[in-house]
Amino acid sequence: MIYTANTIDTIPDSVCEYVIFHSKEFSWNFLALKISLTRLNLKIVMMKNSDTVINDCCAELKTLLKKSVAIPNAQSDISRIMEIKP
């Protein structure tokens, strides 16, 4: 399935949080996603799990996915994220 920006908007924040906090449990294909998840996780840890920061990080993750939607490696990772049910 080809995902679009509208599809990415439907990803619940709970899934984004799970992906950020458990990013090392997955094998990501898209290098920019790997780097971004590591940085977002560190940002949340440094801000002591602030709800505002977590929401900002979820929004940032979705923005990256939307901007990368045409990249094949990103598509496979988006597919993996869409299948997560935390």
PDB file of N, CA and C in Angstrom:
ATOM      1  N   MET A   1       0.838  -1.177   0.000  1.00  0.00           N
ATOM      2  CA  MET A   1       0.000   0.000   0.000  1.00  0.00           C
ATOM      3  C   MET A   1       0.886   1.243   0.000  1.00  0.00           C
ATOM      4  N   ILE A   2       0.499   2.232  -0.768  1.00  0.00           N
ATOM      5  CA  ILE A   2       1.217   3.507  -0.790  1.00  0.00           C
ATOM      6  C   ILE A   2       0.550   4.440   0.209  1.00  0.00           C
ATOM      7  N   TYR A   3       1.331   4.963   1.125  1.00  0.00           N
ATOM      8  CA  TYR A   3       0.797   5.842   2.152  1.00  0.00           C
ATOM      9  C   TYR A   3       0.932   7.291   1.731  1.00  0.00           C
ATOM     10  N   THR A   4       0.028   8.133   2.240  1.00  0.00           N
ATOM     11  CA  THR A   4       0.022   9.557   1.926  1.00  0.00           C
ATOM     12  C   THR A   4       0.098  10.359   3.218  1.00  0.00           C
ATOM     13  N   ALA A   5       0.215  11.673   3.071  1.00  0.00           N
ATOM     14  CA  ALA A   5       0.266  12.547   4.240  1.00  0.00           C
ATOM     15  C   ALA A   5      -1.015  12.420   5.059  1.00  0.00           C
ATOM     16  N   ASN A   6      -2.149  12.239   4.384  1.00  0.00           N
ATOM     17  CA  ASN A   6      -3.412  12.076   5.106  1.00  0.00           C
ATOM     18  C   ASN A   6      -3.420  10.792   5.928  1.00  0.00           C
ATOM     19  N   THR A   7      -2.820   9.747   5.403  1.00  0.00           N
ATOM     20  CA  THR A   7      -2.735   8.480   6.131  1.00  0.00           C
ATOM     21  C   THR A   7      -1.869   8.646   7.374  1.00  0.00           C
ATOM     22  N   ILE A   8      -0.784   9.370   7.227  1.00  0.00           N
ATOM     23  CA  ILE A   8       0.136   9.568   8.350  1.00  0.00           C
ATOM     24  C   ILE A   8      -0.531  10.363   9.462  1.00  0.00           C
ATOM     25  N   ASP A   9      -1.412  11.289   9.102  1.00  0.00           N
ATOM     26  CA  ASP A   9      -2.143  12.061  10.112  1.00  0.00           C
ATOM     27  C   ASP A   9      -3.024  11.175  10.983  1.00  0.00           C
ATOM     28  N   THR A  10      -3.391   9.997  10.485  1.00  0.00           N
ATOM     29  CA  THR A  10      -4.264   9.105  11.257  1.00  0.00           C
ATOM     30  C   THR A  10      -3.505   8.263  12.284  1.00  0.00           C
ATOM     31  N   ILE A  11      -2.185   8.324  12.258  1.00  0.00           N
ATOM     32  CA  ILE A  11      -1.397   7.563  13.242  1.00  0.00           C
ATOM     33  C   ILE A  11      -1.645   8.159  14.624  1.00  0.00           C
ATOM     34  N   PRO A  12      -2.127   7.368  15.570  1.00  0.00           N
ATOM     35  CA  PRO A  12      -2.374   7.902  16.915  1.00  0.00           C
ATOM     36  C   PRO A  12      -1.063   8.302  17.608  1.00  0.00           C
ATOM     37  N   ASP A  13      -1.154   9.304  18.470  1.00  0.00           N
ATOM     38  CA  ASP A  13       0.037   9.729  19.211  1.00  0.00           C
ATOM     39  C   ASP A  13       0.577   8.605  20.085  1.00  0.00           C
ATOM     40  N   SER A  14      -0.296   7.723  20.537  1.00  0.00           N
ATOM     41  CA  SER A  14       0.179   6.605  21.366  1.00  0.00           C
ATOM     42  C   SER A  14       1.124   5.708  20.568  1.00  0.00           C
ATOM     43  N   VAL A  15       0.864   5.548  19.285  1.00  0.00           N
ATOM     44  CA  VAL A  15       1.753   4.756  18.424  1.00  0.00           C
ATOM     45  C   VAL A  15       3.073   5.498  18.229  1.00  0.00           C
ATOM     46  N   CYS A  16       2.991   6.794  18.004  1.00  0.00           N
ATOM     47  CA  CYS A  16       4.219   7.589  17.848  1.00  0.00           C
ATOM     48  C   CYS A  16       5.079   7.511  19.110  1.00  0.00           C
ATOM     49  N   GLU A  17       4.448   7.636  20.268  1.00  0.00           N
ATOM     50  CA  GLU A  17       5.180   7.524  21.531  1.00  0.00           C
ATOM     51  C   GLU A  17       5.853   6.161  21.632  1.00  0.00           C
ATOM     52  N   TYR A  18       5.118   5.117  21.312  1.00  0.00           N
ATOM     53  CA  TYR A  18       5.668   3.764  21.382  1.00  0.00           C
ATOM     54  C   TYR A  18       6.876   3.631  20.461  1.00  0.00           C
ATOM     55  N   VAL A  19       6.756   4.140  19.245  1.00  0.00           N
ATOM     56  CA  VAL A  19       7.853   4.063  18.286  1.00  0.00           C
ATOM     57  C   VAL A  19       9.071   4.813  18.800  1.00  0.00           C
ATOM     58  N   ILE A  20       8.860   5.992  19.367  1.00  0.00           N
ATOM     59  CA  ILE A  20       9.982   6.785  19.879  1.00  0.00           C
ATOM     60  C   ILE A  20      10.649   6.076  21.055  1.00  0.00           C
ATOM     61  N   PHE A  21       9.849   5.616  22.007  1.00  0.00           N
ATOM     62  CA  PHE A  21      10.415   4.996  23.211  1.00  0.00           C
ATOM     63  C   PHE A  21      11.012   3.612  22.960  1.00  0.00           C
ATOM     64  N   HIS A  22      10.540   2.906  21.944  1.00  0.00           N
ATOM     65  CA  HIS A  22      11.003   1.543  21.662  1.00  0.00           C
ATOM     66  C   HIS A  22      11.683   1.433  20.297  1.00  0.00           C
ATOM     67  N   SER A  23      12.263   2.507  19.835  1.00  0.00           N
ATOM     68  CA  SER A  23      12.820   2.536  18.480  1.00  0.00           C
ATOM     69  C   SER A  23      13.926   1.509  18.264  1.00  0.00           C
ATOM     70  N   LYS A  24      14.648   1.166  19.309  1.00  0.00           N
ATOM     71  CA  LYS A  24      15.746   0.210  19.170  1.00  0.00           C
ATOM     72  C   LYS A  24      15.254  -1.233  19.003  1.00  0.00           C
ATOM     73  N   GLU A  25      13.983  -1.465  19.243  1.00  0.00           N
ATOM     74  CA  GLU A  25      13.406  -2.797  19.093  1.00  0.00           C
ATOM     75  C   GLU A  25      13.061  -3.117  17.634  1.00  0.00           C
ATOM     76  N   PHE A  26      13.175  -2.114  16.771  1.00  0.00           N
ATOM     77  CA  PHE A  26      12.821  -2.285  15.366  1.00  0.00           C
ATOM     78  C   PHE A  26      14.059  -2.143  14.500  1.00  0.00           C
ATOM     79  N   SER A  27      13.986  -2.714  13.327  1.00  0.00           N
ATOM     80  CA  SER A  27      15.042  -2.568  12.337  1.00  0.00           C
ATOM     81  C   SER A  27      14.516  -1.618  11.259  1.00  0.00           C
ATOM     82  N   TRP A  28      14.928  -0.359  11.325  1.00  0.00           N
ATOM     83  CA  TRP A  28      14.434   0.658  10.402  1.00  0.00           C
ATOM     84  C   TRP A  28      15.255   0.668   9.118  1.00  0.00           C
ATOM     85  N   ASN A  29      14.606   0.922   8.004  1.00  0.00           N
ATOM     86  CA  ASN A  29      15.269   0.985   6.707  1.00  0.00           C
ATOM     87  C   ASN A  29      15.700   2.394   6.330  1.00  0.00           C
ATOM     88  N   PHE A  30      14.979   3.389   6.812  1.00  0.00           N
ATOM     89  CA  PHE A  30      15.200   4.779   6.436  1.00  0.00           C
ATOM     90  C   PHE A  30      16.133   5.438   7.451  1.00  0.00           C
ATOM     91  N   LEU A  31      17.339   5.784   7.010  1.00  0.00           N
ATOM     92  CA  LEU A  31      18.369   6.325   7.906  1.00  0.00           C
ATOM     93  C   LEU A  31      17.912   7.588   8.622  1.00  0.00           C
ATOM     94  N   ALA A  32      17.237   8.481   7.926  1.00  0.00           N
ATOM     95  CA  ALA A  32      16.773   9.722   8.560  1.00  0.00           C
ATOM     96  C   ALA A  32      15.815   9.422   9.711  1.00  0.00           C
ATOM     97  N   LEU A  33      15.024   8.380   9.574  1.00  0.00           N
ATOM     98  CA  LEU A  33      14.107   7.984  10.640  1.00  0.00           C
ATOM     99  C   LEU A  33      14.886   7.461  11.845  1.00  0.00           C
ATOM    100  N   LYS A  34      15.888   6.642  11.616  1.00  0.00           N
ATOM    101  CA  LYS A  34      16.717   6.128  12.711  1.00  0.00           C
ATOM    102  C   LYS A  34      17.330   7.267  13.509  1.00  0.00           C
ATOM    103  N   ILE A  35      17.909   8.217  12.794  1.00  0.00           N
ATOM    104  CA  ILE A  35      18.570   9.355  13.444  1.00  0.00           C
ATOM    105  C   ILE A  35      17.553  10.196  14.203  1.00  0.00           C
ATOM    106  N   SER A  36      16.436  10.459  13.571  1.00  0.00           N
ATOM    107  CA  SER A  36      15.400  11.281  14.187  1.00  0.00           C
ATOM    108  C   SER A  36      14.839  10.625  15.448  1.00  0.00           C
ATOM    109  N   LEU A  37      14.589   9.332  15.398  1.00  0.00           N
ATOM    110  CA  LEU A  37      14.048   8.635  16.574  1.00  0.00           C
ATOM    111  C   LEU A  37      15.019   8.670  17.745  1.00  0.00           C
ATOM    112  N   THR A  38      16.287   8.523  17.464  1.00  0.00           N
ATOM    113  CA  THR A  38      17.299   8.595  18.519  1.00  0.00           C
ATOM    114  C   THR A  38      17.305   9.984  19.146  1.00  0.00           C
ATOM    115  N   ARG A  39      17.251  11.011  18.304  1.00  0.00           N
ATOM    116  CA  ARG A  39      17.262  12.393  18.789  1.00  0.00           C
ATOM    117  C   ARG A  39      15.990  12.711  19.577  1.00  0.00           C
ATOM    118  N   LEU A  40      14.837  12.273  19.088  1.00  0.00           N
ATOM    119  CA  LEU A  40      13.576  12.531  19.784  1.00  0.00           C
ATOM    120  C   LEU A  40      13.537  11.832  21.136  1.00  0.00           C
ATOM    121  N   ASN A  41      14.021  10.614  21.185  1.00  0.00           N
ATOM    122  CA  ASN A  41      14.076   9.877  22.452  1.00  0.00           C
ATOM    123  C   ASN A  41      14.962  10.613  23.455  1.00  0.00           C
ATOM    124  N   LEU A  42      16.111  11.065  23.005  1.00  0.00           N
ATOM    125  CA  LEU A  42      17.027  11.801  23.881  1.00  0.00           C
ATOM    126  C   LEU A  42      16.392  13.103  24.355  1.00  0.00           C
ATOM    127  N   LYS A  43      15.696  13.782  23.462  1.00  0.00           N
ATOM    128  CA  LYS A  43      15.026  15.042  23.818  1.00  0.00           C
ATOM    129  C   LYS A  43      13.995  14.810  24.925  1.00  0.00           C
ATOM    130  N   ILE A  44      13.220  13.736  24.806  1.00  0.00           N
ATOM    131  CA  ILE A  44      12.209  13.424  25.818  1.00  0.00           C
ATOM    132  C   ILE A  44      12.861  13.087  27.152  1.00  0.00           C
ATOM    133  N   VAL A  45      13.924  12.296  27.118  1.00  0.00           N
ATOM    134  CA  VAL A  45      14.623  11.924  28.350  1.00  0.00           C
ATOM    135  C   VAL A  45      15.206  13.158  29.031  1.00  0.00           C
ATOM    136  N   MET A  46      15.796  14.040  28.245  1.00  0.00           N
ATOM    137  CA  MET A  46      16.406  15.254  28.807  1.00  0.00           C
ATOM    138  C   MET A  46      15.360  16.193  29.413  1.00  0.00           C
ATOM    139  N   MET A  47      14.165  16.187  28.866  1.00  0.00           N
ATOM    140  CA  MET A  47      13.097  17.056  29.379  1.00  0.00           C
ATOM    141  C   MET A  47      12.221  16.326  30.403  1.00  0.00           C
ATOM    142  N   LYS A  48      12.701  15.197  30.877  1.00  0.00           N
ATOM    143  CA  LYS A  48      12.050  14.417  31.932  1.00  0.00           C
ATOM    144  C   LYS A  48      10.595  14.051  31.606  1.00  0.00           C
ATOM    145  N   ASN A  49      10.393  13.531  30.398  1.00  0.00           N
ATOM    146  CA  ASN A  49       9.086  13.019  29.949  1.00  0.00           C
ATOM    147  C   ASN A  49       7.956  14.044  30.037  1.00  0.00           C
ATOM    148  N   SER A  50       8.259  15.286  29.750  1.00  0.00           N
ATOM    149  CA  SER A  50       7.246  16.344  29.733  1.00  0.00           C
ATOM    150  C   SER A  50       6.192  16.026  28.671  1.00  0.00           C
ATOM    151  N   ASP A  51       4.926  16.134  29.043  1.00  0.00           N
ATOM    152  CA  ASP A  51       3.841  15.845  28.100  1.00  0.00           C
ATOM    153  C   ASP A  51       3.896  16.754  26.883  1.00  0.00           C
ATOM    154  N   THR A  52       4.248  18.009  27.088  1.00  0.00           N
ATOM    155  CA  THR A  52       4.354  18.957  25.983  1.00  0.00           C
ATOM    156  C   THR A  52       5.440  18.531  25.012  1.00  0.00           C
ATOM    157  N   VAL A  53       6.587  18.126  25.546  1.00  0.00           N
ATOM    158  CA  VAL A  53       7.696  17.697  24.697  1.00  0.00           C
ATOM    159  C   VAL A  53       7.337  16.411  23.961  1.00  0.00           C
ATOM    160  N   ILE A  54       6.675  15.500  24.624  1.00  0.00           N
ATOM    161  CA  ILE A  54       6.262  14.256  23.980  1.00  0.00           C
ATOM    162  C   ILE A  54       5.320  14.554  22.813  1.00  0.00           C
ATOM    163  N   ASN A  55       4.360  15.451  23.011  1.00  0.00           N
ATOM    164  CA  ASN A  55       3.442  15.813  21.934  1.00  0.00           C
ATOM    165  C   ASN A  55       4.184  16.478  20.775  1.00  0.00           C
ATOM    166  N   ASP A  56       5.144  17.349  21.099  1.00  0.00           N
ATOM    167  CA  ASP A  56       5.952  17.999  20.057  1.00  0.00           C
ATOM    168  C   ASP A  56       6.759  16.966  19.273  1.00  0.00           C
ATOM    169  N   CYS A  57       7.310  15.988  19.973  1.00  0.00           N
ATOM    170  CA  CYS A  57       8.109  14.948  19.320  1.00  0.00           C
ATOM    171  C   CYS A  57       7.248  14.076  18.413  1.00  0.00           C
ATOM    172  N   CYS A  58       6.031  13.773  18.850  1.00  0.00           N
ATOM    173  CA  CYS A  58       5.114  12.999  18.008  1.00  0.00           C
ATOM    174  C   CYS A  58       4.786  13.782  16.736  1.00  0.00           C
ATOM    175  N   ALA A  59       4.542  15.073  16.884  1.00  0.00           N
ATOM    176  CA  ALA A  59       4.253  15.913  15.720  1.00  0.00           C
ATOM    177  C   ALA A  59       5.456  15.979  14.787  1.00  0.00           C
ATOM    178  N   GLU A  60       6.654  16.058  15.360  1.00  0.00           N
ATOM    179  CA  GLU A  60       7.872  16.111  14.549  1.00  0.00           C
ATOM    180  C   GLU A  60       8.086  14.799  13.792  1.00  0.00           C
ATOM    181  N   LEU A  61       7.793  13.695  14.439  1.00  0.00           N
ATOM    182  CA  LEU A  61       7.914  12.391  13.772  1.00  0.00           C
ATOM    183  C   LEU A  61       6.951  12.308  12.588  1.00  0.00           C
ATOM    184  N   LYS A  62       5.712  12.723  12.794  1.00  0.00           N
ATOM    185  CA  LYS A  62       4.730  12.697  11.711  1.00  0.00           C
ATOM    186  C   LYS A  62       5.155  13.619  10.562  1.00  0.00           C
ATOM    187  N   THR A  63       5.725  14.769  10.894  1.00  0.00           N
ATOM    188  CA  THR A  63       6.187  15.698   9.858  1.00  0.00           C
ATOM    189  C   THR A  63       7.287  15.060   9.019  1.00  0.00           C
ATOM    190  N   LEU A  64       8.232  14.389   9.672  1.00  0.00           N
ATOM    191  CA  LEU A  64       9.296  13.706   8.937  1.00  0.00           C
ATOM    192  C   LEU A  64       8.712  12.645   8.006  1.00  0.00           C
ATOM    193  N   LEU A  65       7.767  11.879   8.505  1.00  0.00           N
ATOM    194  CA  LEU A  65       7.163  10.830   7.695  1.00  0.00           C
ATOM    195  C   LEU A  65       6.417  11.411   6.496  1.00  0.00           C
ATOM    196  N   LYS A  66       5.723  12.529   6.714  1.00  0.00           N
ATOM    197  CA  LYS A  66       4.995  13.169   5.607  1.00  0.00           C
ATOM    198  C   LYS A  66       5.955  13.677   4.538  1.00  0.00           C
ATOM    199  N   LYS A  67       7.056  14.274   4.965  1.00  0.00           N
ATOM    200  CA  LYS A  67       8.026  14.814   4.010  1.00  0.00           C
ATOM    201  C   LYS A  67       8.749  13.698   3.254  1.00  0.00           C
ATOM    202  N   SER A  68       8.791  12.524   3.829  1.00  0.00           N
ATOM    203  CA  SER A  68       9.546  11.409   3.252  1.00  0.00           C
ATOM    204  C   SER A  68       8.653  10.364   2.603  1.00  0.00           C
ATOM    205  N   VAL A  69       7.404  10.669   2.438  1.00  0.00           N
ATOM    206  CA  VAL A  69       6.420   9.676   2.005  1.00  0.00           C
ATOM    207  C   VAL A  69       6.743   9.079   0.626  1.00  0.00           C
ATOM    208  N   ALA A  70       7.481   9.776  -0.209  1.00  0.00           N
ATOM    209  CA  ALA A  70       7.792   9.270  -1.552  1.00  0.00           C
ATOM    210  C   ALA A  70       9.047   8.400  -1.590  1.00  0.00           C
ATOM    211  N   ILE A  71       9.747   8.278  -0.490  1.00  0.00           N
ATOM    212  CA  ILE A  71      10.989   7.512  -0.438  1.00  0.00           C
ATOM    213  C   ILE A  71      10.657   6.044  -0.120  1.00  0.00           C
ATOM    214  N   PRO A  72      11.120   5.119  -0.963  1.00  0.00           N
ATOM    215  CA  PRO A  72      10.767   3.699  -0.763  1.00  0.00           C
ATOM    216  C   PRO A  72      11.124   3.158   0.625  1.00  0.00           C
ATOM    217  N   ASN A  73      12.303   3.467   1.141  1.00  0.00           N
ATOM    218  CA  ASN A  73      12.668   2.970   2.475  1.00  0.00           C
ATOM    219  C   ASN A  73      11.763   3.562   3.547  1.00  0.00           C
ATOM    220  N   ALA A  74      11.356   4.791   3.366  1.00  0.00           N
ATOM    221  CA  ALA A  74      10.428   5.416   4.315  1.00  0.00           C
ATOM    222  C   ALA A  74       9.065   4.736   4.226  1.00  0.00           C
ATOM    223  N   GLN A  75       8.639   4.385   3.014  1.00  0.00           N
ATOM    224  CA  GLN A  75       7.349   3.711   2.839  1.00  0.00           C
ATOM    225  C   GLN A  75       7.305   2.391   3.626  1.00  0.00           C
ATOM    226  N   SER A  76       8.392   1.643   3.583  1.00  0.00           N
ATOM    227  CA  SER A  76       8.398   0.366   4.315  1.00  0.00           C
ATOM    228  C   SER A  76       8.348   0.602   5.824  1.00  0.00           C
ATOM    229  N   ASP A  77       9.014   1.649   6.293  1.00  0.00           N
ATOM    230  CA  ASP A  77       8.969   1.965   7.725  1.00  0.00           C
ATOM    231  C   ASP A  77       7.601   2.508   8.132  1.00  0.00           C
ATOM    232  N   ILE A  78       6.988   3.306   7.274  1.00  0.00           N
ATOM    233  CA  ILE A  78       5.644   3.799   7.553  1.00  0.00           C
ATOM    234  C   ILE A  78       4.681   2.613   7.654  1.00  0.00           C
ATOM    235  N   SER A  79       4.838   1.668   6.781  1.00  0.00           N
ATOM    236  CA  SER A  79       4.006   0.470   6.810  1.00  0.00           C
ATOM    237  C   SER A  79       4.159  -0.257   8.142  1.00  0.00           C
ATOM    238  N   ARG A  80       5.386  -0.383   8.599  1.00  0.00           N
ATOM    239  CA  ARG A  80       5.644  -1.033   9.882  1.00  0.00           C
ATOM    240  C   ARG A  80       4.984  -0.249  11.024  1.00  0.00           C
ATOM    241  N   ILE A  81       5.082   1.067  10.987  1.00  0.00           N
ATOM    242  CA  ILE A  81       4.490   1.911  12.038  1.00  0.00           C
ATOM    243  C   ILE A  81       2.970   1.782  12.019  1.00  0.00           C
ATOM    244  N   MET A  82       2.382   1.748  10.834  1.00  0.00           N
ATOM    245  CA  MET A  82       0.917   1.641  10.728  1.00  0.00           C
ATOM    246  C   MET A  82       0.390   0.334  11.297  1.00  0.00           C
ATOM    247  N   GLU A  83       1.221  -0.695  11.346  1.00  0.00           N
ATOM    248  CA  GLU A  83       0.793  -1.992  11.872  1.00  0.00           C
ATOM    249  C   GLU A  83       0.906  -2.104  13.394  1.00  0.00           C
ATOM    250  N   ILE A  84       1.555  -1.147  14.032  1.00  0.00           N
ATOM    251  CA  ILE A  84       1.774  -1.215  15.485  1.00  0.00           C
ATOM    252  C   ILE A  84       0.482  -0.928  16.222  1.00  0.00           C
ATOM    253  N   LYS A  85       0.206  -1.773  17.192  1.00  0.00           N
ATOM    254  CA  LYS A  85      -0.951  -1.619  18.080  1.00  0.00           C
ATOM    255  C   LYS A  85      -0.452  -1.665  19.525  1.00  0.00           C
ATOM    256  N   PRO A  86      -0.081  -0.503  20.092  1.00  0.00           N
ATOM    257  CA  PRO A  86       0.488  -0.547  21.474  1.00  0.00           C
ATOM    258  C   PRO A  86      -0.538  -0.868  22.531  1.00  0.00           C
TER     259      PRO A  86
END
